[in-house]
Amino acid sequence: MQTFLSEAIVLDAALVSVLLAGWITWIGLHGLLWLLSAANRPTLNPSAQPISVIANRGQESRRRAA
């Protein structure tokens, strides 16, 4: 009977550890994919655009005026 209980405890601990590892992996990947998709979204605030975008915009207006 003691052998059965010790095996059940080991099996239970293994199951809990596998489920916990899967949950932590899922949360990590979910957060990573959320961050990657946020990087591809257009910004609503025009002042938060990268400097290269703003610099290219100025050059385009100079080309049109010339």
C-alpha atoms as a PDB file:
ATOM      1  CA  MET A   1       0.000   0.000   0.000  1.00  0.00           C
ATOM      2  CA  GLN A   2       2.851   2.385   0.786  1.00  0.00           C
ATOM      3  CA  THR A   3       4.433   1.748  -2.605  1.00  0.00           C
ATOM      4  CA  PHE A   4       1.175   2.577  -4.344  1.00  0.00           C
ATOM      5  CA  LEU A   5       0.825   5.841  -2.411  1.00  0.00           C
ATOM      6  CA  SER A   6       4.399   6.898  -3.073  1.00  0.00           C
ATOM      7  CA  GLU A   7       3.962   6.201  -6.802  1.00  0.00           C
ATOM      8  CA  ALA A   8       0.702   8.144  -6.802  1.00  0.00           C
ATOM      9  CA  ILE A   9       2.398  11.110  -5.146  1.00  0.00           C
ATOM     10  CA  VAL A  10       5.249  11.039  -7.683  1.00  0.00           C
ATOM     11  CA  LEU A  11       2.767  10.763 -10.562  1.00  0.00           C
ATOM     12  CA  ASP A  12       0.725  13.633  -9.146  1.00  0.00           C
ATOM     13  CA  ALA A  13       3.823  15.810  -8.736  1.00  0.00           C
ATOM     14  CA  ALA A  14       4.920  15.030 -12.297  1.00  0.00           C
ATOM     15  CA  LEU A  15       1.482  15.897 -13.666  1.00  0.00           C
ATOM     16  CA  VAL A  16       1.368  19.170 -11.750  1.00  0.00           C
ATOM     17  CA  SER A  17       4.877  20.118 -12.904  1.00  0.00           C
ATOM     18  CA  VAL A  18       4.046  19.391 -16.566  1.00  0.00           C
ATOM     19  CA  LEU A  19       0.843  21.425 -16.360  1.00  0.00           C
ATOM     20  CA  LEU A  20       2.666  24.283 -14.646  1.00  0.00           C
ATOM     21  CA  ALA A  21       5.440  24.269 -17.261  1.00  0.00           C
ATOM     22  CA  GLY A  22       2.867  24.307 -20.061  1.00  0.00           C
ATOM     23  CA  TRP A  23       0.960  27.158 -18.453  1.00  0.00           C
ATOM     24  CA  ILE A  24       4.124  29.251 -17.966  1.00  0.00           C
ATOM     25  CA  THR A  25       5.153  28.598 -21.582  1.00  0.00           C
ATOM     26  CA  TRP A  26       1.708  29.565 -22.869  1.00  0.00           C
ATOM     27  CA  ILE A  27       1.698  32.804 -20.849  1.00  0.00           C
ATOM     28  CA  GLY A  28       5.208  33.663 -22.076  1.00  0.00           C
ATOM     29  CA  LEU A  29       4.411  33.029 -25.735  1.00  0.00           C
ATOM     30  CA  HIS A  30       1.118  34.873 -25.455  1.00  0.00           C
ATOM     31  CA  GLY A  31       2.911  37.921 -24.073  1.00  0.00           C
ATOM     32  CA  LEU A  32       5.626  37.721 -26.707  1.00  0.00           C
ATOM     33  CA  LEU A  33       3.133  37.506 -29.562  1.00  0.00           C
ATOM     34  CA  TRP A  34       1.176  40.400 -28.042  1.00  0.00           C
ATOM     35  CA  LEU A  35       4.319  42.531 -27.980  1.00  0.00           C
ATOM     36  CA  LEU A  36       5.216  41.598 -31.558  1.00  0.00           C
ATOM     37  CA  SER A  37       1.743  42.430 -32.819  1.00  0.00           C
ATOM     38  CA  ALA A  38       1.861  45.742 -30.942  1.00  0.00           C
ATOM     39  CA  ALA A  39       5.063  46.636 -32.782  1.00  0.00           C
ATOM     40  CA  ASN A  40       3.287  46.174 -36.133  1.00  0.00           C
ATOM     41  CA  ARG A  41       0.242  48.287 -35.221  1.00  0.00           C
ATOM     42  CA  PRO A  42       0.109  51.850 -36.534  1.00  0.00           C
ATOM     43  CA  THR A  43       0.500  54.458 -33.834  1.00  0.00           C
ATOM     44  CA  LEU A  44      -2.346  56.810 -33.068  1.00  0.00           C
ATOM     45  CA  ASN A  45      -0.025  59.500 -31.760  1.00  0.00           C
ATOM     46  CA  PRO A  46       1.946  61.068 -34.642  1.00  0.00           C
ATOM     47  CA  SER A  47       4.586  62.432 -32.255  1.00  0.00           C
ATOM     48  CA  ALA A  48       5.506  58.850 -31.313  1.00  0.00           C
ATOM     49  CA  GLN A  49       6.692  57.929 -34.821  1.00  0.00           C
ATOM     50  CA  PRO A  50      10.345  57.054 -35.421  1.00  0.00           C
ATOM     51  CA  ILE A  51      12.660  59.866 -36.423  1.00  0.00           C
ATOM     52  CA  SER A  52      13.395  58.279 -39.822  1.00  0.00           C
ATOM     53  CA  VAL A  53       9.700  58.475 -40.781  1.00  0.00           C
ATOM     54  CA  ILE A  54       9.536  62.148 -39.854  1.00  0.00           C
ATOM     55  CA  ALA A  55      12.819  62.883 -41.676  1.00  0.00           C
ATOM     56  CA  ASN A  56      11.603  61.153 -44.853  1.00  0.00           C
ATOM     57  CA  ARG A  57       8.381  63.109 -44.713  1.00  0.00           C
ATOM     58  CA  GLY A  58      10.333  66.373 -44.768  1.00  0.00           C
ATOM     59  CA  GLN A  59      12.401  65.297 -47.770  1.00  0.00           C
ATOM     60  CA  GLU A  60       9.298  64.364 -49.742  1.00  0.00           C
ATOM     61  CA  SER A  61       7.808  67.810 -49.263  1.00  0.00           C
ATOM     62  CA  ARG A  62      11.070  69.430 -50.403  1.00  0.00           C
ATOM     63  CA  ARG A  63      11.083  67.296 -53.551  1.00  0.00           C
ATOM     64  CA  ARG A  64       7.544  68.348 -54.412  1.00  0.00           C
ATOM     65  CA  ALA A  65       8.363  72.043 -53.938  1.00  0.00           C
ATOM     66  CA  ALA A  66      11.457  71.874 -56.164  1.00  0.00           C
END
